[in-house]
Amino acid sequence: MEINSYSQSSSSIYQQLAQKRAELSNIDKKELEKTASDNYDKTNASNEKFEQKDYQRVLEKYKNLDADVKSHEQTHASRGTTTAPIQYNYHLGPDGRLYANGGSVRLDTSIPEEEGSANAKLEELKSASTAVDALSSADAQIARTANLNKMLLQAQGDSYEDR
């Protein structure tokens, strides 16, 4: 009988041991879940901060470009005679609003018949196209064309005076 009681006690010991292992496993699992959850919260919080910083940085770029483009085009329009309203190209920003990312001004490029008026008009075109700090290729082209036309007018005037 001692063998039976010994075998019963050893089986009960193994059973108790298995229960303790299961309890420890559950405790380890809960601690691991808690640690993982804490780490996720920390990571998620830092990602939100990172994403918020990126969002603000990109939004500021859109706002700055919008202000620069509008200022640029309005400077052209204020220095010359325009034939149409200022046209802007828009981009949809990350906040769902439209921001100007380019534009154009239609300047009056008609040249009067009278030489003095033509020179004044060409000077106005040159001034309007070069009024901004950062010239676009279109701005530079208008200034060159106005300069060339002014030189042509002067050359024509000189040739008429020589006759």
C-alpha atoms as a PDB file:
ATOM      1  CA  MET A   1       0.000   0.000   0.000  1.00  0.00           C
ATOM      2  CA  GLU A   2       2.814   2.264   0.541  1.00  0.00           C
ATOM      3  CA  ILE A   3       3.564   2.059  -3.111  1.00  0.00           C
ATOM      4  CA  ASN A   4       0.027   3.149  -3.914  1.00  0.00           C
ATOM      5  CA  SER A   5       0.118   6.037  -1.477  1.00  0.00           C
ATOM      6  CA  TYR A   6       3.526   6.935  -2.800  1.00  0.00           C
ATOM      7  CA  SER A   7       2.299   6.797  -6.386  1.00  0.00           C
ATOM      8  CA  GLN A   8      -0.767   8.806  -5.460  1.00  0.00           C
ATOM      9  CA  SER A   9       1.308  11.358  -3.729  1.00  0.00           C
ATOM     10  CA  SER A  10       3.720  11.555  -6.655  1.00  0.00           C
ATOM     11  CA  SER A  11       0.841  11.958  -9.110  1.00  0.00           C
ATOM     12  CA  SER A  12      -0.720  14.622  -6.916  1.00  0.00           C
ATOM     13  CA  ILE A  13       2.665  16.285  -6.722  1.00  0.00           C
ATOM     14  CA  TYR A  14       2.934  16.238 -10.525  1.00  0.00           C
ATOM     15  CA  GLN A  15      -0.584  17.566 -10.781  1.00  0.00           C
ATOM     16  CA  GLN A  16       0.178  20.391  -8.366  1.00  0.00           C
ATOM     17  CA  LEU A  17       3.404  21.072 -10.219  1.00  0.00           C
ATOM     18  CA  ALA A  18       1.508  21.269 -13.522  1.00  0.00           C
ATOM     19  CA  GLN A  19      -0.991  23.710 -11.952  1.00  0.00           C
ATOM     20  CA  LYS A  20       1.821  25.905 -10.659  1.00  0.00           C
ATOM     21  CA  ARG A  21       3.486  25.894 -14.074  1.00  0.00           C
ATOM     22  CA  ALA A  22       0.191  26.890 -15.676  1.00  0.00           C
ATOM     23  CA  GLU A  23      -0.276  29.701 -13.152  1.00  0.00           C
ATOM     24  CA  LEU A  24       3.289  30.911 -13.747  1.00  0.00           C
ATOM     25  CA  SER A  25       2.754  30.709 -17.481  1.00  0.00           C
ATOM     26  CA  ASN A  26      -0.413  32.819 -17.166  1.00  0.00           C
ATOM     27  CA  ILE A  27       1.439  35.345 -15.007  1.00  0.00           C
ATOM     28  CA  ASP A  28       4.294  35.498 -17.541  1.00  0.00           C
ATOM     29  CA  LYS A  29       1.787  35.883 -20.375  1.00  0.00           C
ATOM     30  CA  LYS A  30       0.001  38.750 -18.595  1.00  0.00           C
ATOM     31  CA  GLU A  31       3.293  40.501 -17.832  1.00  0.00           C
ATOM     32  CA  LEU A  32       4.398  40.100 -21.432  1.00  0.00           C
ATOM     33  CA  GLU A  33       1.073  41.504 -22.693  1.00  0.00           C
ATOM     34  CA  LYS A  34       1.363  44.428 -20.264  1.00  0.00           C
ATOM     35  CA  THR A  35       4.942  45.154 -21.345  1.00  0.00           C
ATOM     36  CA  ALA A  36       3.995  44.910 -25.008  1.00  0.00           C
ATOM     37  CA  SER A  37       1.000  47.179 -24.438  1.00  0.00           C
ATOM     38  CA  ASP A  38       3.138  49.728 -22.601  1.00  0.00           C
ATOM     39  CA  ASN A  39       5.755  49.631 -25.347  1.00  0.00           C
ATOM     40  CA  TYR A  40       3.063  50.040 -28.003  1.00  0.00           C
ATOM     41  CA  ASP A  41       1.609  53.036 -26.155  1.00  0.00           C
ATOM     42  CA  LYS A  42       5.047  54.635 -25.909  1.00  0.00           C
ATOM     43  CA  THR A  43       5.802  53.943 -29.567  1.00  0.00           C
ATOM     44  CA  ASN A  44       2.373  55.067 -30.699  1.00  0.00           C
ATOM     45  CA  ALA A  45       2.636  58.283 -28.698  1.00  0.00           C
ATOM     46  CA  SER A  46       6.025  59.095 -30.216  1.00  0.00           C
ATOM     47  CA  ASN A  47       4.713  58.268 -33.720  1.00  0.00           C
ATOM     48  CA  GLU A  48       1.793  60.622 -33.183  1.00  0.00           C
ATOM     49  CA  LYS A  49       4.212  63.353 -32.153  1.00  0.00           C
ATOM     50  CA  PHE A  50       6.400  62.586 -35.170  1.00  0.00           C
ATOM     51  CA  GLU A  51       3.435  62.543 -37.543  1.00  0.00           C
ATOM     52  CA  GLN A  52       2.082  65.776 -36.044  1.00  0.00           C
ATOM     53  CA  LYS A  53       5.461  67.468 -36.535  1.00  0.00           C
ATOM     54  CA  ASP A  54       5.605  66.260 -40.151  1.00  0.00           C
ATOM     55  CA  TYR A  55       2.044  67.409 -40.756  1.00  0.00           C
ATOM     56  CA  GLN A  56       2.784  70.881 -39.366  1.00  0.00           C
ATOM     57  CA  ARG A  57       6.026  71.136 -41.363  1.00  0.00           C
ATOM     58  CA  VAL A  58       4.306  70.188 -44.627  1.00  0.00           C
ATOM     59  CA  LEU A  59       1.366  72.483 -43.911  1.00  0.00           C
ATOM     60  CA  GLU A  60       3.757  75.405 -43.285  1.00  0.00           C
ATOM     61  CA  LYS A  61       5.453  74.720 -46.632  1.00  0.00           C
ATOM     62  CA  TYR A  62       2.093  74.891 -48.391  1.00  0.00           C
ATOM     63  CA  LYS A  63       1.186  78.123 -46.591  1.00  0.00           C
ATOM     64  CA  ASN A  64       4.561  79.743 -47.316  1.00  0.00           C
ATOM     65  CA  LEU A  65       4.467  78.789 -50.992  1.00  0.00           C
ATOM     66  CA  ASP A  66       0.910  80.116 -51.256  1.00  0.00           C
ATOM     67  CA  ALA A  67       1.935  83.468 -49.752  1.00  0.00           C
ATOM     68  CA  ASP A  68       5.066  83.693 -51.942  1.00  0.00           C
ATOM     69  CA  VAL A  69       3.187  82.908 -55.156  1.00  0.00           C
ATOM     70  CA  LYS A  70       0.425  85.410 -54.441  1.00  0.00           C
ATOM     71  CA  SER A  71       2.900  88.125 -53.486  1.00  0.00           C
ATOM     72  CA  HIS A  72       4.973  87.418 -56.611  1.00  0.00           C
ATOM     73  CA  GLU A  73       2.024  87.656 -58.999  1.00  0.00           C
ATOM     74  CA  GLN A  74       0.496  90.676 -57.259  1.00  0.00           C
ATOM     75  CA  THR A  75       3.822  92.519 -57.571  1.00  0.00           C
ATOM     76  CA  HIS A  76       3.785  91.937 -61.333  1.00  0.00           C
ATOM     77  CA  ALA A  77       0.181  93.104 -61.589  1.00  0.00           C
ATOM     78  CA  SER A  78       0.830  96.253 -59.555  1.00  0.00           C
ATOM     79  CA  ARG A  79       3.681  97.365 -61.858  1.00  0.00           C
ATOM     80  CA  GLY A  80       1.995  96.886 -65.217  1.00  0.00           C
ATOM     81  CA  THR A  81      -1.287  97.148 -67.066  1.00  0.00           C
ATOM     82  CA  THR A  82      -3.093  93.799 -66.961  1.00  0.00           C
ATOM     83  CA  THR A  83      -5.641  92.445 -69.411  1.00  0.00           C
ATOM     84  CA  ALA A  84      -7.136  89.754 -67.176  1.00  0.00           C
ATOM     85  CA  PRO A  85      -7.320  88.811 -63.497  1.00  0.00           C
ATOM     86  CA  ILE A  86      -4.378  87.002 -61.930  1.00  0.00           C
ATOM     87  CA  GLN A  87      -4.558  83.253 -62.560  1.00  0.00           C
ATOM     88  CA  TYR A  88      -3.363  80.872 -59.852  1.00  0.00           C
ATOM     89  CA  ASN A  89      -2.601  77.155 -60.005  1.00  0.00           C
ATOM     90  CA  TYR A  90      -3.775  75.385 -56.878  1.00  0.00           C
ATOM     91  CA  HIS A  91      -2.752  72.280 -54.981  1.00  0.00           C
ATOM     92  CA  LEU A  92      -4.814  70.510 -52.347  1.00  0.00           C
ATOM     93  CA  GLY A  93      -3.011  70.728 -48.996  1.00  0.00           C
ATOM     94  CA  PRO A  94      -2.955  68.068 -46.282  1.00  0.00           C
ATOM     95  CA  ASP A  95      -5.694  69.940 -44.433  1.00  0.00           C
ATOM     96  CA  GLY A  96      -8.062  69.804 -47.422  1.00  0.00           C
ATOM     97  CA  ARG A  97      -7.633  73.478 -48.375  1.00  0.00           C
ATOM     98  CA  LEU A  98      -6.390  74.826 -51.690  1.00  0.00           C
ATOM     99  CA  TYR A  99      -2.975  76.501 -51.790  1.00  0.00           C
ATOM    100  CA  ALA A 100      -1.490  78.433 -54.720  1.00  0.00           C
ATOM    101  CA  ASN A 101       1.636  76.801 -56.116  1.00  0.00           C
ATOM    102  CA  GLY A 102       2.000  78.867 -59.277  1.00  0.00           C
ATOM    103  CA  GLY A 103       0.379  81.667 -61.167  1.00  0.00           C
ATOM    104  CA  SER A 104       0.422  84.073 -64.056  1.00  0.00           C
ATOM    105  CA  VAL A 105      -0.443  87.662 -64.859  1.00  0.00           C
ATOM    106  CA  ARG A 106      -1.531  88.697 -68.335  1.00  0.00           C
ATOM    107  CA  LEU A 107       0.188  91.985 -68.986  1.00  0.00           C
ATOM    108  CA  ASP A 108      -0.949  94.280 -71.772  1.00  0.00           C
ATOM    109  CA  THR A 109       1.735  93.790 -74.417  1.00  0.00           C
ATOM    110  CA  SER A 110       0.215  95.959 -77.116  1.00  0.00           C
ATOM    111  CA  ILE A 111       2.666  98.555 -78.421  1.00  0.00           C
ATOM    112  CA  PRO A 112       1.362 102.027 -79.279  1.00  0.00           C
ATOM    113  CA  GLU A 113       2.167 103.558 -82.677  1.00  0.00           C
ATOM    114  CA  GLU A 114       3.782 106.693 -81.288  1.00  0.00           C
ATOM    115  CA  GLU A 115       7.475 106.154 -80.424  1.00  0.00           C
ATOM    116  CA  GLY A 116       7.440 107.929 -77.030  1.00  0.00           C
ATOM    117  CA  SER A 117       4.393 105.993 -75.855  1.00  0.00           C
ATOM    118  CA  ALA A 118       5.888 102.753 -77.179  1.00  0.00           C
ATOM    119  CA  ASN A 119       9.117 103.341 -75.238  1.00  0.00           C
ATOM    120  CA  ALA A 120       7.132 104.092 -72.071  1.00  0.00           C
ATOM    121  CA  LYS A 121       5.028 100.970 -72.575  1.00  0.00           C
ATOM    122  CA  LEU A 122       8.085  98.759 -73.110  1.00  0.00           C
ATOM    123  CA  GLU A 123       9.734 100.247 -70.016  1.00  0.00           C
ATOM    124  CA  GLU A 124       6.544  99.467 -68.047  1.00  0.00           C
ATOM    125  CA  LEU A 125       6.591  95.850 -69.285  1.00  0.00           C
ATOM    126  CA  LYS A 126      10.257  95.488 -68.362  1.00  0.00           C
ATOM    127  CA  SER A 127       9.619  96.995 -64.922  1.00  0.00           C
ATOM    128  CA  ALA A 128       6.568  94.782 -64.278  1.00  0.00           C
ATOM    129  CA  SER A 129       8.371  91.606 -65.309  1.00  0.00           C
ATOM    130  CA  THR A 130      11.523  92.290 -63.253  1.00  0.00           C
ATOM    131  CA  ALA A 131       9.818  93.765 -60.168  1.00  0.00           C
ATOM    132  CA  VAL A 132      10.153  90.573 -58.120  1.00  0.00           C
ATOM    133  CA  ASP A 133      13.269  89.233 -56.389  1.00  0.00           C
ATOM    134  CA  ALA A 134      13.167  85.741 -57.901  1.00  0.00           C
ATOM    135  CA  LEU A 135      12.558  85.913 -61.642  1.00  0.00           C
ATOM    136  CA  SER A 136      10.867  82.993 -63.312  1.00  0.00           C
ATOM    137  CA  SER A 137      11.867  82.022 -66.833  1.00  0.00           C
ATOM    138  CA  ALA A 138       8.688  83.690 -68.129  1.00  0.00           C
ATOM    139  CA  ASP A 139       9.567  86.896 -66.241  1.00  0.00           C
ATOM    140  CA  ALA A 140      13.058  86.951 -67.752  1.00  0.00           C
ATOM    141  CA  GLN A 141      11.706  86.239 -71.248  1.00  0.00           C
ATOM    142  CA  ILE A 142       9.254  89.159 -71.037  1.00  0.00           C
ATOM    143  CA  ALA A 143      12.027  91.495 -69.859  1.00  0.00           C
ATOM    144  CA  ARG A 144      14.329  90.370 -72.706  1.00  0.00           C
ATOM    145  CA  THR A 145      11.589  90.806 -75.299  1.00  0.00           C
ATOM    146  CA  ALA A 146      10.726  94.279 -73.997  1.00  0.00           C
ATOM    147  CA  ASN A 147      14.406  95.232 -74.106  1.00  0.00           C
ATOM    148  CA  LEU A 148      14.804  93.928 -77.662  1.00  0.00           C
ATOM    149  CA  ASN A 149      11.680  95.734 -78.829  1.00  0.00           C
ATOM    150  CA  LYS A 150      12.909  98.934 -77.220  1.00  0.00           C
ATOM    151  CA  MET A 151      16.244  98.577 -79.017  1.00  0.00           C
ATOM    152  CA  LEU A 152      14.406  97.935 -82.309  1.00  0.00           C
ATOM    153  CA  LEU A 153      12.314 101.068 -81.800  1.00  0.00           C
ATOM    154  CA  GLN A 154      15.427 103.118 -81.140  1.00  0.00           C
ATOM    155  CA  ALA A 155      17.145 101.663 -84.195  1.00  0.00           C
ATOM    156  CA  GLN A 156      14.114 102.439 -86.346  1.00  0.00           C
ATOM    157  CA  GLY A 157      13.994 105.977 -84.949  1.00  0.00           C
ATOM    158  CA  ASP A 158      17.677 106.440 -85.720  1.00  0.00           C
ATOM    159  CA  SER A 159      17.226 105.172 -89.284  1.00  0.00           C
ATOM    160  CA  TYR A 160      14.306 107.585 -89.841  1.00  0.00           C
ATOM    161  CA  GLU A 161      16.356 110.486 -88.470  1.00  0.00           C
ATOM    162  CA  ASP A 162      19.246 109.699 -90.823  1.00  0.00           C
ATOM    163  CA  ARG A 163      17.019 110.139 -93.923  1.00  0.00           C
END
